[in-house]
Amino acid sequence: MEFVGPILLGLVLLVAGGELLVRGAVSSAKALGVSPLLIGLTLVGFGTSTPELVTSLTAALEGSPGIAVGNVVGSNIANILLILGVSAIIYPMAVDPKGFKRDAIMLVVAALACLAVVLYGRIGLVIGIIFIVALAAYIFYVYRQEKTAPDEAALVAEHRAEDAPRGPNALVLSIGMAVAGIAITIFGARFLVDGAIGLAKGFGISDTIIGLTIVAVGTSMPELITSVMAAIRKHSDVAYGNIIGSNIYNILFILGATSIIQPIDIPDQIAQLDIWVMLAATALLVFFARSGFKLQRWEGFAFLGAYVAYTAYLISIA
């Protein structure tokens, strides 16, 4: 039980730090005259993914690839099955056909790229750079497309900017808030990773399972809060766009940036099971969203049921 305290403290600091970072970054961007479209496409996605980034990087540097990679794969599974499931149950989600086609293709490409590196067994500097460049190209393409021919997808990005928590109007204060958010997130990640490693060793559980469950769900809290609040406000497009964007960022940005700083060996368990669960969840999301361009409540229950079954299985083999 001595590891529960650091894990809980780490999760609290990660959520608080991510919240401060998003508030400060969004307010700074607005003060500098950055468009809501660009804020929604970049800062909100990067901000809510910061807990995953710092946690995976910390774990990789401390020699725990199971937590580093399990965090990304587990977060993507939780984003679809848990967070989208809960959000769709609260309020069914309409899906814009044009934005869906573009973003779903990128999501599938990112998922297949993740499968490729997992089966290869290692992700290093070159692959990390390719991932980061691919993400930058995707963001630039989306921004140019929505800027020249705005449609529902542009409205989704603007809604994401509007729904993002707000910080102080003064530029200096908002920048200070963003910096404080980064610092708190770093401290939170250290507590979480150290506690998770201690928990795994203390109970004889692989750090991969800890990364796929406790760490993954914990670092996904910003997405959960953002998506549930969007569903309650009936901004279902934001809840859906949040998860699609987050899953793309998790693979291309977090795995990419982490492997540039510290190459990662992929644990066998992720190659044998969890990457396939992530691919199945991604395929199910695309199928449900494509059928009628709406995520219904019963589909949300199906997602949630699948996540409970997956988590129960991981616990049974721990």
Protein backbone atom coordinates (compact mmCIF):
# COMPACT_ATOMS: atom_id res chain seq x y z
CA MET A 1 0.00 0.00 0.00
CA GLU A 2 3.01 2.31 0.34
CA PHE A 3 2.93 2.86 -3.43
CA VAL A 4 -0.72 3.99 -3.54
CA GLY A 5 0.12 7.43 -2.12
CA PRO A 6 2.71 8.35 -4.78
CA ILE A 7 0.46 7.01 -7.56
CA LEU A 8 -2.56 9.03 -6.38
CA LEU A 9 -0.43 12.14 -5.84
CA GLY A 10 1.08 11.69 -9.29
CA LEU A 11 -2.35 11.37 -10.93
CA VAL A 12 -3.64 14.47 -9.13
CA LEU A 13 -0.57 16.49 -10.16
CA LEU A 14 -0.84 15.25 -13.76
CA VAL A 15 -4.48 16.31 -14.05
CA ALA A 16 -3.83 19.65 -12.33
CA GLY A 17 -0.71 20.32 -14.39
CA GLY A 18 -2.43 19.43 -17.66
CA GLU A 19 -5.35 21.69 -16.76
CA LEU A 20 -3.07 24.63 -15.97
CA LEU A 21 -1.07 24.06 -19.15
CA VAL A 22 -4.18 24.06 -21.35
CA ARG A 23 -5.61 27.13 -19.60
CA GLY A 24 -2.35 29.06 -19.88
CA ALA A 25 -1.55 28.02 -23.44
CA VAL A 26 -5.04 28.73 -24.79
CA SER A 27 -5.23 32.12 -23.04
CA SER A 28 -1.74 33.05 -24.28
CA ALA A 29 -2.68 32.09 -27.84
CA LYS A 30 -5.89 34.14 -27.68
CA ALA A 31 -3.99 37.14 -26.29
CA LEU A 32 -1.55 36.84 -29.21
CA GLY A 33 -4.40 36.73 -31.73
CA VAL A 34 -4.09 33.07 -32.72
CA SER A 35 -7.23 31.82 -34.47
CA PRO A 36 -9.64 29.49 -32.64
CA LEU A 37 -9.17 27.00 -35.50
CA LEU A 38 -5.41 26.73 -34.93
CA ILE A 39 -5.87 26.65 -31.15
CA GLY A 40 -8.32 23.77 -31.47
CA LEU A 41 -6.07 21.83 -33.84
CA THR A 42 -2.83 22.23 -31.90
CA LEU A 43 -2.79 23.63 -28.37
CA VAL A 44 -5.80 21.73 -27.04
CA GLY A 45 -4.48 18.44 -28.45
CA PHE A 46 -0.93 18.98 -27.27
CA GLY A 47 -2.12 20.21 -23.88
CA THR A 48 -4.38 17.28 -23.07
CA SER A 49 -1.66 14.86 -24.27
CA THR A 50 1.04 16.37 -22.04
CA PRO A 51 0.43 13.96 -19.12
CA GLU A 52 0.92 10.98 -21.45
CA LEU A 53 4.04 12.56 -22.98
CA VAL A 54 5.78 13.38 -19.71
CA THR A 55 4.82 10.04 -18.17
CA SER A 56 6.05 7.97 -21.13
CA LEU A 57 9.27 9.98 -21.36
CA THR A 58 9.93 9.64 -17.63
CA ALA A 59 9.26 5.89 -17.76
CA ALA A 60 11.54 5.42 -20.78
CA LEU A 61 14.37 7.33 -19.10
CA GLU A 62 13.93 5.23 -15.95
CA GLY A 63 14.17 1.99 -17.93
CA SER A 64 10.49 0.98 -17.87
CA PRO A 65 9.46 0.50 -21.52
CA GLY A 66 6.34 -1.39 -20.41
CA ILE A 67 4.99 1.79 -18.80
CA ALA A 68 6.25 4.03 -21.63
CA VAL A 69 4.59 2.05 -24.44
CA GLY A 70 1.74 0.60 -22.37
CA ASN A 71 0.73 4.15 -21.46
CA VAL A 72 0.28 5.08 -25.13
CA VAL A 73 -1.44 1.87 -26.26
CA GLY A 74 -3.56 1.70 -23.09
CA SER A 75 -4.54 5.37 -23.37
CA ASN A 76 -5.71 4.86 -26.95
CA ILE A 77 -7.78 1.86 -25.90
CA ALA A 78 -9.24 3.77 -22.94
CA ASN A 79 -9.92 6.83 -25.09
CA ILE A 80 -12.12 4.84 -27.47
CA LEU A 81 -13.74 2.20 -25.30
CA LEU A 82 -14.00 4.05 -21.97
CA ILE A 83 -14.13 7.78 -22.75
CA LEU A 84 -16.06 7.68 -26.03
CA GLY A 85 -18.28 5.00 -24.52
CA VAL A 86 -19.20 7.16 -21.52
CA SER A 87 -19.56 10.29 -23.70
CA ALA A 88 -21.86 8.55 -26.21
CA ILE A 89 -24.03 7.23 -23.37
CA ILE A 90 -24.40 10.79 -22.03
CA TYR A 91 -25.22 12.26 -25.45
CA PRO A 92 -25.12 10.51 -28.88
CA MET A 93 -22.42 11.94 -31.16
CA ALA A 94 -22.99 13.28 -34.65
CA VAL A 95 -19.99 12.75 -36.93
CA ASP A 96 -19.17 15.15 -39.78
CA PRO A 97 -18.69 13.04 -42.97
CA LYS A 98 -15.92 15.19 -44.50
CA GLY A 99 -13.90 15.51 -41.32
CA PHE A 100 -14.49 11.84 -40.53
CA LYS A 101 -13.04 10.62 -43.81
CA ARG A 102 -9.86 12.67 -43.45
CA ASP A 103 -9.30 12.12 -39.73
CA ALA A 104 -10.32 8.46 -39.72
CA ILE A 105 -7.81 7.75 -42.48
CA MET A 106 -5.08 9.44 -40.43
CA LEU A 107 -6.15 7.56 -37.30
CA VAL A 108 -5.96 4.21 -39.12
CA VAL A 109 -2.58 5.13 -40.67
CA ALA A 110 -1.22 6.06 -37.22
CA ALA A 111 -2.58 2.83 -35.69
CA LEU A 112 -1.00 0.73 -38.46
CA ALA A 113 2.29 2.63 -38.01
CA CYS A 114 2.14 1.79 -34.30
CA LEU A 115 1.51 -1.88 -35.18
CA ALA A 116 4.54 -1.85 -37.49
CA VAL A 117 6.94 -0.53 -34.83
CA VAL A 118 5.49 -2.86 -32.17
CA LEU A 119 6.04 -5.89 -34.41
CA TYR A 120 9.52 -4.60 -35.28
CA GLY A 121 10.23 -4.55 -31.56
CA ARG A 122 11.97 -1.22 -31.18
CA ILE A 123 11.32 2.45 -31.86
CA GLY A 124 14.34 4.74 -32.12
CA LEU A 125 15.50 8.11 -33.38
CA VAL A 126 14.72 7.74 -37.10
CA ILE A 127 11.21 6.37 -36.59
CA GLY A 128 10.56 9.02 -33.94
CA ILE A 129 11.49 11.80 -36.36
CA ILE A 130 9.27 10.28 -39.07
CA PHE A 131 6.35 10.20 -36.61
CA ILE A 132 6.83 13.85 -35.59
CA VAL A 133 7.16 15.02 -39.22
CA ALA A 134 4.02 13.06 -40.16
CA LEU A 135 2.06 14.74 -37.35
CA ALA A 136 3.28 18.21 -38.34
CA ALA A 137 2.33 17.55 -41.98
CA TYR A 138 -1.13 16.34 -40.94
CA ILE A 139 -1.79 19.44 -38.78
CA PHE A 140 -0.58 21.75 -41.56
CA TYR A 141 -2.78 19.97 -44.12
CA VAL A 142 -5.88 20.16 -41.91
CA TYR A 143 -5.27 23.82 -41.09
CA ARG A 144 -4.83 24.78 -44.75
CA GLN A 145 -7.87 22.77 -45.81
CA GLU A 146 -10.16 24.26 -43.14
CA LYS A 147 -8.78 27.76 -43.69
CA THR A 148 -9.48 27.72 -47.42
CA ALA A 149 -12.77 25.78 -47.33
CA PRO A 150 -14.18 25.86 -43.79
CA ASP A 151 -16.85 23.30 -42.95
CA GLU A 152 -18.14 21.36 -39.96
CA ALA A 153 -14.64 20.11 -39.18
CA ALA A 154 -13.44 23.69 -38.74
CA LEU A 155 -16.37 24.30 -36.41
CA VAL A 156 -15.33 21.28 -34.35
CA ALA A 157 -11.81 22.70 -33.91
CA GLU A 158 -13.26 26.08 -32.92
CA HIS A 159 -15.63 24.41 -30.45
CA ARG A 160 -12.63 22.64 -28.93
CA ALA A 161 -10.97 26.02 -28.43
CA GLU A 162 -14.16 27.49 -26.93
CA ASP A 163 -14.66 24.54 -24.59
CA ALA A 164 -11.05 24.58 -23.39
CA PRO A 165 -10.69 25.89 -19.82
CA ARG A 166 -9.70 29.56 -19.72
CA GLY A 167 -6.87 31.19 -17.83
CA PRO A 168 -6.04 34.83 -17.05
CA ASN A 169 -6.35 37.44 -19.80
CA ALA A 170 -2.94 38.99 -19.07
CA LEU A 171 -0.29 37.47 -21.37
CA VAL A 172 2.43 37.28 -18.71
CA LEU A 173 0.11 35.53 -16.25
CA SER A 174 -1.16 33.06 -18.83
CA ILE A 175 2.40 32.17 -19.92
CA GLY A 176 3.34 31.75 -16.26
CA MET A 177 0.35 29.45 -15.79
CA ALA A 178 1.42 27.32 -18.76
CA VAL A 179 4.98 27.04 -17.43
CA ALA A 180 3.67 26.13 -13.96
CA GLY A 181 1.46 23.49 -15.58
CA ILE A 182 4.46 21.90 -17.31
CA ALA A 183 6.45 21.87 -14.05
CA ILE A 184 3.59 20.31 -12.08
CA THR A 185 3.07 17.71 -14.81
CA ILE A 186 6.76 16.72 -14.66
CA PHE A 187 6.58 16.28 -10.87
CA GLY A 188 3.34 14.33 -11.22
CA ALA A 189 4.85 12.01 -13.81
CA ARG A 190 7.81 11.28 -11.56
CA PHE A 191 5.56 10.33 -8.63
CA LEU A 192 3.27 8.26 -10.86
CA VAL A 193 6.07 6.35 -12.60
CA ASP A 194 8.03 5.69 -9.40
CA GLY A 195 4.86 4.53 -7.65
CA ALA A 196 3.83 2.36 -10.60
CA ILE A 197 7.26 0.71 -10.80
CA GLY A 198 7.20 0.07 -7.05
CA LEU A 199 3.69 -1.36 -7.26
CA ALA A 200 4.67 -3.69 -10.10
CA LYS A 201 7.74 -4.97 -8.23
CA GLY A 202 5.93 -5.24 -4.90
CA PHE A 203 3.09 -7.39 -6.27
CA GLY A 204 5.04 -9.22 -8.97
CA ILE A 205 2.99 -7.61 -11.75
CA SER A 206 4.62 -6.61 -15.04
CA ASP A 207 5.07 -2.89 -15.47
CA THR A 208 3.39 -3.31 -18.88
CA ILE A 209 0.05 -4.21 -17.23
CA ILE A 210 0.42 -1.29 -14.80
CA GLY A 211 1.12 0.97 -17.78
CA LEU A 212 -1.89 -0.34 -19.70
CA THR A 213 -4.30 0.14 -16.80
CA ILE A 214 -3.58 2.50 -13.90
CA VAL A 215 -1.11 4.73 -15.76
CA ALA A 216 -3.07 4.79 -19.05
CA VAL A 217 -6.40 5.67 -17.44
CA GLY A 218 -4.76 8.18 -15.12
CA THR A 219 -3.01 10.08 -17.90
CA SER A 220 -6.25 10.03 -19.94
CA MET A 221 -8.12 11.99 -17.25
CA PRO A 222 -7.83 15.34 -19.13
CA GLU A 223 -9.45 13.76 -22.20
CA LEU A 224 -12.14 12.15 -20.01
CA ILE A 225 -13.00 15.45 -18.31
CA THR A 226 -12.95 17.41 -21.58
CA SER A 227 -15.05 14.85 -23.50
CA VAL A 228 -17.63 14.32 -20.74
CA MET A 229 -18.08 18.08 -20.27
CA ALA A 230 -18.46 18.47 -24.04
CA ALA A 231 -21.11 15.72 -24.09
CA ILE A 232 -22.98 17.38 -21.21
CA ARG A 233 -22.92 20.69 -23.13
CA LYS A 234 -24.17 18.75 -26.18
CA HIS A 235 -20.98 19.60 -28.08
CA SER A 236 -20.76 15.98 -29.10
CA ASP A 237 -18.54 16.92 -32.05
CA VAL A 238 -15.92 18.10 -29.57
CA ALA A 239 -16.02 14.88 -27.57
CA TYR A 240 -15.54 12.82 -30.74
CA GLY A 241 -12.89 15.12 -32.23
CA ASN A 242 -11.03 15.14 -28.91
CA ILE A 243 -10.56 11.39 -28.92
CA ILE A 244 -9.65 11.08 -32.60
CA GLY A 245 -7.09 13.88 -32.22
CA SER A 246 -5.75 12.51 -28.95
CA ASN A 247 -5.18 9.02 -30.36
CA ILE A 248 -3.31 10.42 -33.36
CA TYR A 249 -1.20 12.63 -31.05
CA ASN A 250 -0.50 9.73 -28.67
CA ILE A 251 1.07 7.59 -31.38
CA LEU A 252 2.82 10.16 -33.54
CA PHE A 253 3.75 12.79 -30.95
CA ILE A 254 4.23 10.89 -27.70
CA LEU A 255 5.88 7.74 -29.09
CA GLY A 256 7.78 9.88 -31.58
CA ALA A 257 9.10 12.46 -29.10
CA THR A 258 9.89 9.84 -26.45
CA SER A 259 11.86 7.63 -28.85
CA ILE A 260 13.86 10.61 -30.14
CA ILE A 261 15.09 11.26 -26.60
CA GLN A 262 15.25 7.61 -25.46
CA PRO A 263 14.89 4.64 -27.85
CA ILE A 264 12.31 2.12 -26.61
CA ASP A 265 12.25 -1.68 -26.77
CA ILE A 266 8.66 -2.92 -27.14
CA PRO A 267 7.51 -5.43 -24.47
CA ASP A 268 6.39 -8.82 -25.82
CA GLN A 269 2.96 -8.63 -24.21
CA ILE A 270 1.99 -5.53 -26.17
CA ALA A 271 2.94 -7.27 -29.43
CA GLN A 272 1.00 -10.40 -28.47
CA LEU A 273 -2.25 -8.81 -27.23
CA ASP A 274 -2.68 -5.14 -26.56
CA ILE A 275 -1.74 -3.66 -29.93
CA TRP A 276 -4.40 -5.93 -31.46
CA VAL A 277 -6.97 -4.72 -28.93
CA MET A 278 -6.09 -1.14 -29.88
CA LEU A 279 -6.50 -1.96 -33.59
CA ALA A 280 -9.83 -3.70 -32.94
CA ALA A 281 -11.09 -0.71 -30.92
CA THR A 282 -9.99 1.65 -33.72
CA ALA A 283 -11.73 -0.48 -36.35
CA LEU A 284 -14.90 -0.64 -34.23
CA LEU A 285 -14.87 3.15 -33.84
CA VAL A 286 -14.52 3.67 -37.59
CA PHE A 287 -17.30 1.14 -38.28
CA PHE A 288 -19.73 2.66 -35.76
CA ALA A 289 -18.99 6.24 -36.83
CA ARG A 290 -19.34 5.35 -40.53
CA SER A 291 -22.74 3.69 -40.05
CA GLY A 292 -25.11 6.65 -40.06
CA PHE A 293 -22.34 9.11 -39.07
CA LYS A 294 -23.46 8.97 -35.48
CA LEU A 295 -22.36 7.18 -32.33
CA GLN A 296 -25.53 5.91 -30.64
CA ARG A 297 -26.04 5.23 -26.94
CA TRP A 298 -26.11 1.45 -27.47
CA GLU A 299 -22.75 1.71 -29.23
CA GLY A 300 -21.44 3.62 -26.21
CA PHE A 301 -22.59 0.75 -23.98
CA ALA A 302 -20.87 -1.71 -26.34
CA PHE A 303 -17.61 0.27 -26.04
CA LEU A 304 -17.88 0.38 -22.26
CA GLY A 305 -18.66 -3.34 -22.01
CA ALA A 306 -15.64 -4.16 -24.17
CA TYR A 307 -13.39 -2.05 -21.94
CA VAL A 308 -14.64 -3.76 -18.79
CA ALA A 309 -13.98 -7.16 -20.38
CA TYR A 310 -10.48 -6.15 -21.52
CA THR A 311 -9.55 -4.73 -18.11
CA ALA A 312 -10.93 -7.81 -16.33
CA TYR A 313 -8.77 -10.02 -18.55
CA LEU A 314 -5.63 -7.98 -17.78
CA ILE A 315 -6.37 -8.26 -14.05
CA SER A 316 -6.88 -12.03 -14.39
CA ILE A 317 -3.42 -12.52 -15.94
CA ALA A 318 -1.61 -10.03 -13.69
